[in-house]
Amino acid sequence: MQTDDSQATIAKLSVLTPAEQAVLDQALTGVPAREIAEHLSLSEATVRSHLSSIYVKLGVSGRMALLAHFRGGSALPGVEAPPAPRPMSASVAGWSWAAVALLEGAYAVYLGSGALANGGTQTTWLLTIGFGLLAAFCARLARAILDRPSRRTLLVSLAVAGGHLLFAIRGIFLGVPQPPFMVLGTIAIAIGWISFRAMGAYPAATRPGAGSP
């Protein structure tokens, strides 16, 4: 590619929106629109709309022409796509589950230590195992939301919050100290609401039509 061509291409890239630049950066790796949508937490229809706009602005006829334009998909030096924005509510949901994992893990250790020292009942051992498993699961969920927030991970977050609420309600009637379960239920409601609100920032993917690029 000649210098004049490179300068012309950079001039064309300058008219792309930040969202289009992010989609272009992914498209140049050769991945399909579906994977671009998952990576950027967008709907597939939105990605295809951005691709259509990119083709027009860069003066290419489609994906193959786009890749050929950049010689096999290598972006020009100095042209970097900005990271996809992350809603504050998604970050709050992720860090909240991380905090819940720490609290559940600590409570599992507390119950297990007491059971070993004083000979715990079957209920105590079941709760120890239950809180330990919940702590491990919440830690993985927190990492998934913080590393790659999406509508899917937030939907899982909402479902897990509902499960925690049911677990807390059931725990109140087990004849064990109730405050931990009441706190857990309150936290579950709060995280569930945060997750539900955060999902609004990630539109549901729609099935593209036959004429989509």
N, C-alpha and C. Protein backbone atom coordinates (compact mmCIF):
# COMPACT_ATOMS: atom_id res chain seq x y z
N MET A 1 0.85 -1.19 0.00
CA MET A 1 0.00 0.00 0.00
C MET A 1 0.89 1.24 0.00
N GLN A 2 0.59 2.18 -0.89
CA GLN A 2 1.40 3.38 -1.02
C GLN A 2 1.10 4.35 0.13
N THR A 3 2.00 5.31 0.30
CA THR A 3 1.84 6.29 1.38
C THR A 3 0.57 7.11 1.19
N ASP A 4 0.30 7.53 -0.05
CA ASP A 4 -0.90 8.31 -0.31
C ASP A 4 -2.14 7.51 0.03
N ASP A 5 -2.11 6.22 -0.31
CA ASP A 5 -3.25 5.37 0.01
C ASP A 5 -3.43 5.24 1.52
N SER A 6 -2.32 5.12 2.23
CA SER A 6 -2.39 5.01 3.70
C SER A 6 -2.99 6.27 4.31
N GLN A 7 -2.56 7.42 3.80
CA GLN A 7 -3.09 8.67 4.33
C GLN A 7 -4.57 8.81 4.01
N ALA A 8 -4.96 8.35 2.82
CA ALA A 8 -6.38 8.42 2.45
C ALA A 8 -7.20 7.50 3.35
N THR A 9 -6.64 6.32 3.65
CA THR A 9 -7.36 5.38 4.51
C THR A 9 -7.50 5.92 5.92
N ILE A 10 -6.43 6.53 6.44
CA ILE A 10 -6.49 7.11 7.79
C ILE A 10 -7.53 8.23 7.83
N ALA A 11 -7.60 9.01 6.74
CA ALA A 11 -8.61 10.08 6.68
C ALA A 11 -10.02 9.49 6.73
N LYS A 12 -10.21 8.36 6.04
CA LYS A 12 -11.52 7.71 6.06
C LYS A 12 -11.83 7.14 7.45
N LEU A 13 -10.80 6.57 8.09
CA LEU A 13 -11.01 6.01 9.44
C LEU A 13 -11.39 7.09 10.44
N SER A 14 -10.96 8.30 10.21
CA SER A 14 -11.22 9.38 11.16
C SER A 14 -12.70 9.75 11.22
N VAL A 15 -13.47 9.36 10.18
CA VAL A 15 -14.90 9.69 10.19
C VAL A 15 -15.73 8.60 10.84
N LEU A 16 -15.08 7.49 11.20
CA LEU A 16 -15.81 6.43 11.88
C LEU A 16 -16.12 6.84 13.32
N THR A 17 -17.27 6.42 13.82
CA THR A 17 -17.61 6.66 15.21
C THR A 17 -16.81 5.71 16.09
N PRO A 18 -16.68 5.99 17.40
CA PRO A 18 -15.96 5.07 18.28
C PRO A 18 -16.52 3.65 18.23
N ALA A 19 -17.85 3.53 18.17
CA ALA A 19 -18.46 2.19 18.10
C ALA A 19 -18.07 1.49 16.82
N GLU A 20 -18.06 2.22 15.71
CA GLU A 20 -17.69 1.63 14.42
C GLU A 20 -16.21 1.23 14.42
N GLN A 21 -15.37 2.03 15.06
CA GLN A 21 -13.94 1.70 15.14
C GLN A 21 -13.74 0.40 15.94
N ALA A 22 -14.53 0.24 17.02
CA ALA A 22 -14.44 -0.98 17.82
C ALA A 22 -14.86 -2.19 17.00
N VAL A 23 -15.94 -2.06 16.22
CA VAL A 23 -16.41 -3.16 15.37
C VAL A 23 -15.38 -3.44 14.28
N LEU A 24 -14.79 -2.39 13.68
CA LEU A 24 -13.78 -2.58 12.64
C LEU A 24 -12.58 -3.35 13.16
N ASP A 25 -12.13 -3.00 14.34
CA ASP A 25 -10.97 -3.66 14.92
C ASP A 25 -11.22 -5.16 15.07
N GLN A 26 -12.45 -5.52 15.48
CA GLN A 26 -12.80 -6.94 15.61
C GLN A 26 -12.97 -7.59 14.24
N ALA A 27 -13.58 -6.87 13.31
CA ALA A 27 -13.83 -7.42 11.98
C ALA A 27 -12.52 -7.75 11.26
N LEU A 28 -11.49 -6.98 11.50
CA LEU A 28 -10.21 -7.21 10.84
C LEU A 28 -9.51 -8.48 11.31
N THR A 29 -9.98 -9.07 12.41
CA THR A 29 -9.44 -10.35 12.86
C THR A 29 -10.09 -11.52 12.14
N GLY A 30 -11.17 -11.23 11.39
CA GLY A 30 -11.82 -12.28 10.61
C GLY A 30 -12.93 -13.02 11.32
N VAL A 31 -13.27 -12.63 12.56
CA VAL A 31 -14.33 -13.34 13.28
C VAL A 31 -15.68 -12.92 12.74
N PRO A 32 -16.71 -13.80 12.83
CA PRO A 32 -18.04 -13.46 12.32
C PRO A 32 -18.73 -12.41 13.18
N ALA A 33 -19.81 -11.86 12.64
CA ALA A 33 -20.55 -10.80 13.33
C ALA A 33 -21.06 -11.27 14.69
N ARG A 34 -21.43 -12.55 14.79
CA ARG A 34 -21.95 -13.06 16.06
C ARG A 34 -20.91 -12.96 17.16
N GLU A 35 -19.65 -13.32 16.85
CA GLU A 35 -18.60 -13.25 17.86
C GLU A 35 -18.23 -11.80 18.19
N ILE A 36 -18.30 -10.95 17.17
CA ILE A 36 -18.05 -9.52 17.43
C ILE A 36 -19.09 -9.00 18.41
N ALA A 37 -20.36 -9.39 18.20
CA ALA A 37 -21.45 -8.95 19.07
C ALA A 37 -21.22 -9.41 20.51
N GLU A 38 -20.79 -10.67 20.69
CA GLU A 38 -20.55 -11.19 22.03
C GLU A 38 -19.38 -10.49 22.70
N HIS A 39 -18.32 -10.23 21.93
CA HIS A 39 -17.13 -9.61 22.51
C HIS A 39 -17.39 -8.17 22.93
N LEU A 40 -18.20 -7.44 22.14
CA LEU A 40 -18.46 -6.04 22.42
C LEU A 40 -19.76 -5.82 23.19
N SER A 41 -20.43 -6.93 23.54
CA SER A 41 -21.70 -6.85 24.28
C SER A 41 -22.73 -6.01 23.52
N LEU A 42 -22.87 -6.30 22.23
CA LEU A 42 -23.85 -5.66 21.38
C LEU A 42 -24.74 -6.72 20.77
N SER A 43 -25.86 -6.30 20.20
CA SER A 43 -26.68 -7.26 19.46
C SER A 43 -26.04 -7.49 18.10
N GLU A 44 -26.31 -8.65 17.54
CA GLU A 44 -25.73 -8.97 16.23
C GLU A 44 -26.26 -8.01 15.17
N ALA A 45 -27.52 -7.61 15.31
CA ALA A 45 -28.10 -6.67 14.34
C ALA A 45 -27.37 -5.33 14.39
N THR A 46 -27.00 -4.88 15.59
CA THR A 46 -26.26 -3.63 15.73
C THR A 46 -24.89 -3.73 15.08
N VAL A 47 -24.22 -4.86 15.28
CA VAL A 47 -22.90 -5.07 14.66
C VAL A 47 -23.01 -5.02 13.15
N ARG A 48 -24.02 -5.68 12.60
CA ARG A 48 -24.19 -5.68 11.15
C ARG A 48 -24.51 -4.28 10.62
N SER A 49 -25.24 -3.52 11.39
CA SER A 49 -25.53 -2.14 11.00
C SER A 49 -24.25 -1.31 10.97
N HIS A 50 -23.40 -1.51 11.98
CA HIS A 50 -22.11 -0.80 12.00
C HIS A 50 -21.24 -1.23 10.82
N LEU A 51 -21.25 -2.52 10.50
CA LEU A 51 -20.45 -3.00 9.39
C LEU A 51 -20.90 -2.36 8.07
N SER A 52 -22.19 -2.26 7.88
CA SER A 52 -22.71 -1.63 6.66
C SER A 52 -22.23 -0.19 6.55
N SER A 53 -22.27 0.53 7.68
CA SER A 53 -21.81 1.92 7.69
C SER A 53 -20.31 2.00 7.41
N ILE A 54 -19.54 1.06 7.97
CA ILE A 54 -18.09 1.03 7.75
C ILE A 54 -17.77 0.80 6.28
N TYR A 55 -18.49 -0.14 5.64
CA TYR A 55 -18.25 -0.42 4.23
C TYR A 55 -18.46 0.84 3.37
N VAL A 56 -19.53 1.57 3.70
CA VAL A 56 -19.84 2.78 2.93
C VAL A 56 -18.76 3.83 3.14
N LYS A 57 -18.37 4.07 4.40
CA LYS A 57 -17.41 5.12 4.71
C LYS A 57 -16.01 4.80 4.18
N LEU A 58 -15.65 3.52 4.14
CA LEU A 58 -14.32 3.14 3.65
C LEU A 58 -14.32 2.85 2.16
N GLY A 59 -15.52 2.81 1.56
CA GLY A 59 -15.60 2.59 0.12
C GLY A 59 -15.28 1.18 -0.31
N VAL A 60 -15.69 0.18 0.50
CA VAL A 60 -15.48 -1.22 0.14
C VAL A 60 -16.84 -1.89 -0.02
N SER A 61 -16.83 -3.04 -0.70
CA SER A 61 -18.10 -3.70 -1.03
C SER A 61 -18.56 -4.71 0.01
N GLY A 62 -17.70 -5.12 0.91
CA GLY A 62 -18.09 -6.12 1.90
C GLY A 62 -16.91 -6.56 2.74
N ARG A 63 -17.10 -7.65 3.50
CA ARG A 63 -16.07 -8.10 4.44
C ARG A 63 -14.78 -8.50 3.71
N MET A 64 -14.89 -9.27 2.62
CA MET A 64 -13.69 -9.71 1.91
C MET A 64 -12.91 -8.51 1.36
N ALA A 65 -13.64 -7.55 0.82
CA ALA A 65 -12.97 -6.35 0.31
C ALA A 65 -12.34 -5.56 1.44
N LEU A 66 -12.99 -5.56 2.60
CA LEU A 66 -12.44 -4.85 3.76
C LEU A 66 -11.11 -5.48 4.20
N LEU A 67 -11.09 -6.82 4.30
CA LEU A 67 -9.86 -7.51 4.69
C LEU A 67 -8.76 -7.30 3.66
N ALA A 68 -9.14 -7.35 2.36
CA ALA A 68 -8.15 -7.13 1.32
C ALA A 68 -7.60 -5.71 1.37
N HIS A 69 -8.46 -4.76 1.74
CA HIS A 69 -8.06 -3.37 1.82
C HIS A 69 -6.96 -3.18 2.85
N PHE A 70 -7.00 -3.98 3.92
CA PHE A 70 -5.99 -3.88 4.98
C PHE A 70 -4.97 -5.00 4.89
N ARG A 71 -4.86 -5.61 3.72
CA ARG A 71 -3.85 -6.65 3.48
C ARG A 71 -3.94 -7.79 4.48
N GLY A 72 -5.05 -8.50 4.45
CA GLY A 72 -5.19 -9.68 5.29
C GLY A 72 -5.69 -9.39 6.67
N GLY A 73 -6.11 -8.17 6.94
CA GLY A 73 -6.75 -7.89 8.23
C GLY A 73 -5.87 -7.22 9.24
N SER A 74 -4.69 -6.72 8.85
CA SER A 74 -3.82 -6.02 9.80
C SER A 74 -4.15 -4.55 9.79
N ALA A 75 -4.59 -4.03 10.92
CA ALA A 75 -4.96 -2.62 11.00
C ALA A 75 -3.74 -1.74 10.85
N LEU A 76 -3.94 -0.52 10.42
CA LEU A 76 -2.84 0.41 10.26
C LEU A 76 -2.23 0.77 11.61
N PRO A 77 -0.89 0.99 11.66
CA PRO A 77 -0.26 1.37 12.92
C PRO A 77 -0.87 2.64 13.48
N GLY A 78 -1.06 2.65 14.78
CA GLY A 78 -1.57 3.84 15.44
C GLY A 78 -3.08 3.95 15.44
N VAL A 79 -3.77 3.00 14.78
CA VAL A 79 -5.24 3.04 14.76
C VAL A 79 -5.74 1.98 15.72
N GLU A 80 -6.23 2.39 16.86
CA GLU A 80 -6.70 1.48 17.89
C GLU A 80 -8.15 1.77 18.20
N ALA A 81 -8.91 0.69 18.39
CA ALA A 81 -10.32 0.85 18.74
C ALA A 81 -10.45 1.05 20.24
N PRO A 82 -11.28 1.97 20.68
CA PRO A 82 -11.48 2.18 22.10
C PRO A 82 -12.24 1.00 22.71
N PRO A 83 -12.00 0.67 23.98
CA PRO A 83 -12.72 -0.43 24.59
C PRO A 83 -14.20 -0.12 24.68
N ALA A 84 -15.01 -1.19 24.63
CA ALA A 84 -16.45 -1.01 24.73
C ALA A 84 -16.80 -0.46 26.12
N PRO A 85 -17.68 0.51 26.19
CA PRO A 85 -18.03 1.08 27.49
C PRO A 85 -18.73 0.07 28.38
N ARG A 86 -18.46 0.13 29.65
CA ARG A 86 -19.09 -0.78 30.61
C ARG A 86 -19.98 0.05 31.54
N PRO A 87 -21.27 -0.30 31.61
CA PRO A 87 -22.17 0.43 32.50
C PRO A 87 -21.71 0.30 33.95
N MET A 88 -21.84 1.38 34.72
CA MET A 88 -21.46 1.35 36.12
C MET A 88 -22.24 0.28 36.88
N SER A 89 -23.52 0.08 36.51
CA SER A 89 -24.35 -0.91 37.21
C SER A 89 -23.81 -2.31 37.04
N ALA A 90 -23.21 -2.61 35.86
CA ALA A 90 -22.63 -3.94 35.64
C ALA A 90 -21.42 -4.14 36.55
N SER A 91 -20.59 -3.11 36.68
CA SER A 91 -19.43 -3.19 37.57
C SER A 91 -19.87 -3.37 39.02
N VAL A 92 -20.92 -2.64 39.40
CA VAL A 92 -21.44 -2.76 40.77
C VAL A 92 -21.93 -4.19 41.03
N ALA A 93 -22.63 -4.77 40.05
CA ALA A 93 -23.13 -6.14 40.20
C ALA A 93 -21.96 -7.11 40.36
N GLY A 94 -20.91 -6.94 39.54
CA GLY A 94 -19.76 -7.83 39.64
C GLY A 94 -19.05 -7.75 40.98
N TRP A 95 -18.77 -6.54 41.43
CA TRP A 95 -18.09 -6.38 42.70
C TRP A 95 -18.97 -6.79 43.87
N SER A 96 -20.28 -6.65 43.71
CA SER A 96 -21.19 -7.09 44.77
C SER A 96 -21.13 -8.60 44.94
N TRP A 97 -21.10 -9.33 43.82
CA TRP A 97 -20.99 -10.79 43.92
C TRP A 97 -19.64 -11.19 44.49
N ALA A 98 -18.60 -10.43 44.20
CA ALA A 98 -17.29 -10.73 44.79
C ALA A 98 -17.35 -10.58 46.31
N ALA A 99 -18.03 -9.52 46.78
CA ALA A 99 -18.18 -9.32 48.22
C ALA A 99 -19.02 -10.43 48.85
N VAL A 100 -20.09 -10.84 48.15
CA VAL A 100 -20.93 -11.92 48.65
C VAL A 100 -20.12 -13.21 48.75
N ALA A 101 -19.26 -13.46 47.77
CA ALA A 101 -18.44 -14.67 47.80
C ALA A 101 -17.53 -14.68 49.04
N LEU A 102 -16.95 -13.52 49.36
CA LEU A 102 -16.10 -13.44 50.54
C LEU A 102 -16.90 -13.69 51.82
N LEU A 103 -18.09 -13.08 51.91
CA LEU A 103 -18.92 -13.25 53.10
C LEU A 103 -19.38 -14.70 53.25
N GLU A 104 -19.80 -15.30 52.14
CA GLU A 104 -20.27 -16.69 52.20
C GLU A 104 -19.12 -17.64 52.53
N GLY A 105 -17.94 -17.36 51.96
CA GLY A 105 -16.79 -18.20 52.27
C GLY A 105 -16.41 -18.09 53.74
N ALA A 106 -16.43 -16.87 54.26
CA ALA A 106 -16.10 -16.68 55.68
C ALA A 106 -17.11 -17.37 56.59
N TYR A 107 -18.40 -17.28 56.22
CA TYR A 107 -19.43 -17.91 57.04
C TYR A 107 -19.32 -19.44 56.98
N ALA A 108 -18.94 -19.96 55.81
CA ALA A 108 -18.75 -21.40 55.68
C ALA A 108 -17.61 -21.88 56.59
N VAL A 109 -16.53 -21.09 56.63
CA VAL A 109 -15.41 -21.43 57.51
C VAL A 109 -15.84 -21.36 58.98
N TYR A 110 -16.64 -20.34 59.31
CA TYR A 110 -17.12 -20.19 60.68
C TYR A 110 -17.98 -21.38 61.10
N LEU A 111 -18.91 -21.77 60.23
CA LEU A 111 -19.77 -22.90 60.55
C LEU A 111 -18.97 -24.20 60.63
N GLY A 112 -18.05 -24.38 59.67
CA GLY A 112 -17.25 -25.60 59.68
C GLY A 112 -16.35 -25.71 60.89
N SER A 113 -15.76 -24.60 61.32
CA SER A 113 -14.90 -24.61 62.50
C SER A 113 -15.69 -24.95 63.75
N GLY A 114 -16.89 -24.35 63.85
CA GLY A 114 -17.73 -24.64 65.01
C GLY A 114 -18.19 -26.08 65.03
N ALA A 115 -18.49 -26.62 63.83
CA ALA A 115 -18.94 -28.00 63.76
C ALA A 115 -17.82 -28.97 64.15
N LEU A 116 -16.60 -28.67 63.74
CA LEU A 116 -15.47 -29.53 64.08
C LEU A 116 -15.15 -29.47 65.58
N ALA A 117 -15.29 -28.28 66.15
CA ALA A 117 -14.94 -28.10 67.56
C ALA A 117 -16.01 -28.66 68.50
N ASN A 118 -17.27 -28.51 68.12
CA ASN A 118 -18.37 -28.86 69.04
C ASN A 118 -19.23 -30.01 68.55
N GLY A 119 -18.89 -30.58 67.41
CA GLY A 119 -19.71 -31.67 66.89
C GLY A 119 -21.00 -31.13 66.30
N GLY A 120 -20.93 -30.65 65.12
CA GLY A 120 -22.08 -30.02 64.48
C GLY A 120 -23.15 -31.01 64.07
N THR A 121 -24.35 -30.51 63.90
CA THR A 121 -25.47 -31.32 63.46
C THR A 121 -25.42 -31.49 61.93
N GLN A 122 -26.30 -32.35 61.44
CA GLN A 122 -26.35 -32.56 59.99
C GLN A 122 -26.71 -31.27 59.26
N THR A 123 -27.61 -30.48 59.87
CA THR A 123 -27.99 -29.21 59.26
C THR A 123 -26.80 -28.26 59.16
N THR A 124 -25.99 -28.23 60.21
CA THR A 124 -24.82 -27.35 60.21
C THR A 124 -23.85 -27.74 59.11
N TRP A 125 -23.61 -29.04 58.95
CA TRP A 125 -22.69 -29.49 57.91
C TRP A 125 -23.25 -29.20 56.52
N LEU A 126 -24.55 -29.38 56.34
CA LEU A 126 -25.16 -29.07 55.05
C LEU A 126 -25.03 -27.58 54.72
N LEU A 127 -25.23 -26.74 55.74
CA LEU A 127 -25.09 -25.31 55.52
C LEU A 127 -23.64 -24.93 55.22
N THR A 128 -22.70 -25.59 55.89
CA THR A 128 -21.28 -25.34 55.63
C THR A 128 -20.93 -25.64 54.17
N ILE A 129 -21.37 -26.80 53.72
CA ILE A 129 -21.11 -27.18 52.33
C ILE A 129 -21.85 -26.23 51.37
N GLY A 130 -23.10 -25.91 51.72
CA GLY A 130 -23.91 -25.05 50.86
C GLY A 130 -23.30 -23.67 50.70
N PHE A 131 -22.88 -23.06 51.80
CA PHE A 131 -22.28 -21.73 51.72
C PHE A 131 -20.92 -21.78 51.01
N GLY A 132 -20.19 -22.87 51.18
CA GLY A 132 -18.92 -23.00 50.47
C GLY A 132 -19.10 -23.08 48.96
N LEU A 133 -20.10 -23.86 48.53
CA LEU A 133 -20.38 -23.97 47.09
C LEU A 133 -20.89 -22.64 46.53
N LEU A 134 -21.74 -21.96 47.29
CA LEU A 134 -22.25 -20.67 46.84
C LEU A 134 -21.11 -19.65 46.71
N ALA A 135 -20.17 -19.69 47.66
CA ALA A 135 -19.04 -18.77 47.60
C ALA A 135 -18.22 -18.99 46.34
N ALA A 136 -17.96 -20.26 46.02
CA ALA A 136 -17.17 -20.57 44.82
C ALA A 136 -17.90 -20.13 43.55
N PHE A 137 -19.20 -20.38 43.50
CA PHE A 137 -19.98 -20.02 42.32
C PHE A 137 -20.05 -18.50 42.16
N CYS A 138 -20.27 -17.79 43.26
CA CYS A 138 -20.37 -16.33 43.21
C CYS A 138 -19.04 -15.70 42.79
N ALA A 139 -17.94 -16.31 43.20
CA ALA A 139 -16.64 -15.79 42.80
C ALA A 139 -16.46 -15.91 41.28
N ARG A 140 -16.89 -17.03 40.72
CA ARG A 140 -16.79 -17.21 39.26
C ARG A 140 -17.74 -16.26 38.52
N LEU A 141 -18.92 -16.08 39.09
CA LEU A 141 -19.88 -15.17 38.47
C LEU A 141 -19.35 -13.73 38.48
N ALA A 142 -18.77 -13.34 39.61
CA ALA A 142 -18.21 -11.98 39.72
C ALA A 142 -17.12 -11.76 38.68
N ARG A 143 -16.27 -12.75 38.50
CA ARG A 143 -15.19 -12.63 37.51
C ARG A 143 -15.74 -12.53 36.10
N ALA A 144 -16.78 -13.33 35.81
CA ALA A 144 -17.38 -13.31 34.47
C ALA A 144 -17.99 -11.94 34.17
N ILE A 145 -18.67 -11.35 35.15
CA ILE A 145 -19.30 -10.05 34.93
C ILE A 145 -18.26 -8.95 34.78
N LEU A 146 -17.21 -8.99 35.60
CA LEU A 146 -16.19 -7.95 35.55
C LEU A 146 -15.29 -8.07 34.32
N ASP A 147 -15.01 -9.30 33.89
CA ASP A 147 -14.13 -9.50 32.74
C ASP A 147 -14.86 -9.28 31.41
N ARG A 148 -16.11 -9.75 31.34
CA ARG A 148 -16.84 -9.67 30.07
C ARG A 148 -18.33 -9.49 30.32
N PRO A 149 -18.73 -8.31 30.76
CA PRO A 149 -20.16 -8.11 31.04
C PRO A 149 -21.00 -8.22 29.77
N SER A 150 -22.14 -8.85 29.88
CA SER A 150 -23.04 -9.00 28.75
C SER A 150 -24.45 -9.22 29.28
N ARG A 151 -25.41 -9.21 28.39
CA ARG A 151 -26.79 -9.46 28.81
C ARG A 151 -26.92 -10.86 29.39
N ARG A 152 -26.16 -11.81 28.83
CA ARG A 152 -26.24 -13.19 29.32
C ARG A 152 -25.72 -13.32 30.75
N THR A 153 -24.55 -12.73 31.04
CA THR A 153 -24.00 -12.84 32.38
C THR A 153 -24.88 -12.11 33.40
N LEU A 154 -25.48 -11.01 32.99
CA LEU A 154 -26.36 -10.29 33.90
C LEU A 154 -27.67 -11.02 34.12
N LEU A 155 -28.11 -11.77 33.10
CA LEU A 155 -29.30 -12.60 33.29
C LEU A 155 -29.01 -13.72 34.27
N VAL A 156 -27.82 -14.30 34.18
CA VAL A 156 -27.41 -15.32 35.16
C VAL A 156 -27.33 -14.69 36.55
N SER A 157 -26.81 -13.47 36.62
CA SER A 157 -26.73 -12.76 37.89
C SER A 157 -28.12 -12.58 38.51
N LEU A 158 -29.08 -12.23 37.67
CA LEU A 158 -30.45 -12.05 38.16
C LEU A 158 -31.01 -13.37 38.67
N ALA A 159 -30.76 -14.46 37.94
CA ALA A 159 -31.25 -15.77 38.36
C ALA A 159 -30.59 -16.22 39.67
N VAL A 160 -29.30 -15.97 39.79
CA VAL A 160 -28.57 -16.35 41.01
C VAL A 160 -29.06 -15.54 42.21
N ALA A 161 -29.38 -14.27 41.97
CA ALA A 161 -29.93 -13.45 43.05
C ALA A 161 -31.26 -14.03 43.53
N GLY A 162 -32.10 -14.49 42.59
CA GLY A 162 -33.36 -15.12 42.97
C GLY A 162 -33.13 -16.40 43.75
N GLY A 163 -32.12 -17.19 43.33
CA GLY A 163 -31.79 -18.41 44.07
C GLY A 163 -31.31 -18.12 45.48
N HIS A 164 -30.50 -17.08 45.61
CA HIS A 164 -30.03 -16.69 46.95
C HIS A 164 -31.20 -16.26 47.84
N LEU A 165 -32.14 -15.56 47.26
CA LEU A 165 -33.29 -15.11 48.04
C LEU A 165 -34.09 -16.30 48.55
N LEU A 166 -34.32 -17.29 47.69
CA LEU A 166 -35.04 -18.50 48.11
C LEU A 166 -34.25 -19.26 49.17
N PHE A 167 -32.93 -19.33 49.00
CA PHE A 167 -32.08 -20.00 49.98
C PHE A 167 -32.14 -19.29 51.33
N ALA A 168 -32.15 -17.97 51.30
CA ALA A 168 -32.22 -17.20 52.54
C ALA A 168 -33.55 -17.40 53.24
N ILE A 169 -34.63 -17.41 52.46
CA ILE A 169 -35.96 -17.61 53.05
C ILE A 169 -36.05 -18.99 53.69
N ARG A 170 -35.51 -19.99 52.99
CA ARG A 170 -35.53 -21.35 53.53
C ARG A 170 -34.68 -21.44 54.79
N GLY A 171 -33.54 -20.74 54.80
CA GLY A 171 -32.64 -20.81 55.95
C GLY A 171 -33.23 -20.22 57.22
N ILE A 172 -34.15 -19.27 57.08
CA ILE A 172 -34.76 -18.64 58.25
C ILE A 172 -35.54 -19.66 59.07
N PHE A 173 -36.03 -20.71 58.42
CA PHE A 173 -36.88 -21.69 59.11
C PHE A 173 -36.13 -22.98 59.44
N LEU A 174 -34.80 -22.93 59.44
CA LEU A 174 -34.03 -24.14 59.74
C LEU A 174 -33.67 -24.25 61.22
N GLY A 175 -34.03 -23.30 62.02
CA GLY A 175 -33.70 -23.35 63.43
C GLY A 175 -32.27 -22.96 63.73
N VAL A 176 -31.63 -22.21 62.82
CA VAL A 176 -30.27 -21.72 63.03
C VAL A 176 -30.35 -20.21 63.14
N PRO A 177 -29.25 -19.53 63.52
CA PRO A 177 -29.30 -18.06 63.63
C PRO A 177 -29.84 -17.42 62.35
N GLN A 178 -30.85 -16.55 62.51
CA GLN A 178 -31.54 -15.97 61.36
C GLN A 178 -30.86 -14.74 60.75
N PRO A 179 -30.14 -13.91 61.52
CA PRO A 179 -29.57 -12.69 60.94
C PRO A 179 -28.75 -12.90 59.66
N PRO A 180 -27.86 -13.92 59.59
CA PRO A 180 -27.10 -14.09 58.34
C PRO A 180 -28.00 -14.30 57.12
N PHE A 181 -29.08 -15.05 57.31
CA PHE A 181 -29.98 -15.31 56.19
C PHE A 181 -30.80 -14.07 55.82
N MET A 182 -31.14 -13.28 56.82
CA MET A 182 -31.87 -12.05 56.54
C MET A 182 -30.98 -11.07 55.76
N VAL A 183 -29.71 -10.99 56.17
CA VAL A 183 -28.76 -10.12 55.45
C VAL A 183 -28.57 -10.63 54.02
N LEU A 184 -28.43 -11.95 53.87
CA LEU A 184 -28.23 -12.54 52.56
C LEU A 184 -29.43 -12.26 51.65
N GLY A 185 -30.63 -12.37 52.20
CA GLY A 185 -31.83 -12.10 51.41
C GLY A 185 -31.89 -10.65 50.95
N THR A 186 -31.53 -9.74 51.84
CA THR A 186 -31.53 -8.32 51.49
C THR A 186 -30.52 -8.02 50.40
N ILE A 187 -29.32 -8.60 50.53
CA ILE A 187 -28.29 -8.39 49.52
C ILE A 187 -28.73 -8.97 48.18
N ALA A 188 -29.36 -10.14 48.20
CA ALA A 188 -29.82 -10.78 46.97
C ALA A 188 -30.83 -9.90 46.23
N ILE A 189 -31.75 -9.29 46.97
CA ILE A 189 -32.74 -8.40 46.35
C ILE A 189 -32.04 -7.21 45.71
N ALA A 190 -31.06 -6.65 46.42
CA ALA A 190 -30.34 -5.47 45.90
C ALA A 190 -29.56 -5.81 44.63
N ILE A 191 -28.83 -6.94 44.65
CA ILE A 191 -28.04 -7.31 43.48
C ILE A 191 -28.96 -7.68 42.32
N GLY A 192 -30.07 -8.33 42.62
CA GLY A 192 -31.03 -8.67 41.57
C GLY A 192 -31.55 -7.43 40.87
N TRP A 193 -31.85 -6.41 41.63
CA TRP A 193 -32.35 -5.15 41.06
C TRP A 193 -31.26 -4.46 40.23
N ILE A 194 -30.03 -4.46 40.74
CA ILE A 194 -28.92 -3.86 40.00
C ILE A 194 -28.69 -4.60 38.69
N SER A 195 -28.74 -5.93 38.73
CA SER A 195 -28.53 -6.74 37.52
C SER A 195 -29.62 -6.47 36.50
N PHE A 196 -30.85 -6.36 36.99
CA PHE A 196 -31.98 -6.09 36.08
C PHE A 196 -31.81 -4.74 35.40
N ARG A 197 -31.39 -3.74 36.16
CA ARG A 197 -31.20 -2.41 35.58
C ARG A 197 -30.04 -2.42 34.58
N ALA A 198 -28.97 -3.16 34.91
CA ALA A 198 -27.79 -3.19 34.04
C ALA A 198 -28.10 -3.88 32.71
N MET A 199 -29.03 -4.80 32.71
CA MET A 199 -29.37 -5.51 31.48
C MET A 199 -29.91 -4.56 30.41
N GLY A 200 -30.47 -3.43 30.84
CA GLY A 200 -31.00 -2.46 29.88
C GLY A 200 -29.93 -1.86 28.99
N ALA A 201 -28.66 -1.94 29.42
CA ALA A 201 -27.57 -1.39 28.61
C ALA A 201 -27.11 -2.35 27.53
N TYR A 202 -27.64 -3.60 27.55
CA TYR A 202 -27.26 -4.61 26.57
C TYR A 202 -28.50 -5.09 25.85
N PRO A 203 -28.83 -4.51 24.69
CA PRO A 203 -30.03 -4.91 23.96
C PRO A 203 -29.99 -6.39 23.60
N ALA A 204 -31.17 -7.01 23.62
CA ALA A 204 -31.26 -8.41 23.26
C ALA A 204 -30.92 -8.57 21.77
N ALA A 205 -30.16 -9.61 21.45
CA ALA A 205 -29.79 -9.83 20.07
C ALA A 205 -31.02 -10.20 19.25
N THR A 206 -31.11 -9.64 18.06
CA THR A 206 -32.21 -9.96 17.17
C THR A 206 -31.69 -10.76 16.00
N ARG A 207 -32.54 -11.60 15.44
CA ARG A 207 -32.14 -12.44 14.33
C ARG A 207 -32.03 -11.59 13.06
N PRO A 208 -30.87 -11.57 12.44
CA PRO A 208 -30.70 -10.74 11.26
C PRO A 208 -31.49 -11.25 10.08
N GLY A 209 -31.90 -10.34 9.19
CA GLY A 209 -32.67 -10.75 8.02
C GLY A 209 -31.76 -11.31 6.96
N ALA A 210 -32.38 -11.85 5.91
CA ALA A 210 -31.61 -12.51 4.87
C ALA A 210 -30.72 -11.54 4.13
N GLY A 211 -31.13 -10.26 4.11
CA GLY A 211 -30.36 -9.27 3.36
C GLY A 211 -29.31 -8.55 4.18
N SER A 212 -29.07 -9.01 5.43
CA SER A 212 -28.11 -8.32 6.27
C SER A 212 -26.72 -8.53 5.73
N PRO A 213 -25.80 -7.58 5.93
CA PRO A 213 -24.44 -7.72 5.39
C PRO A 213 -23.68 -8.78 6.15
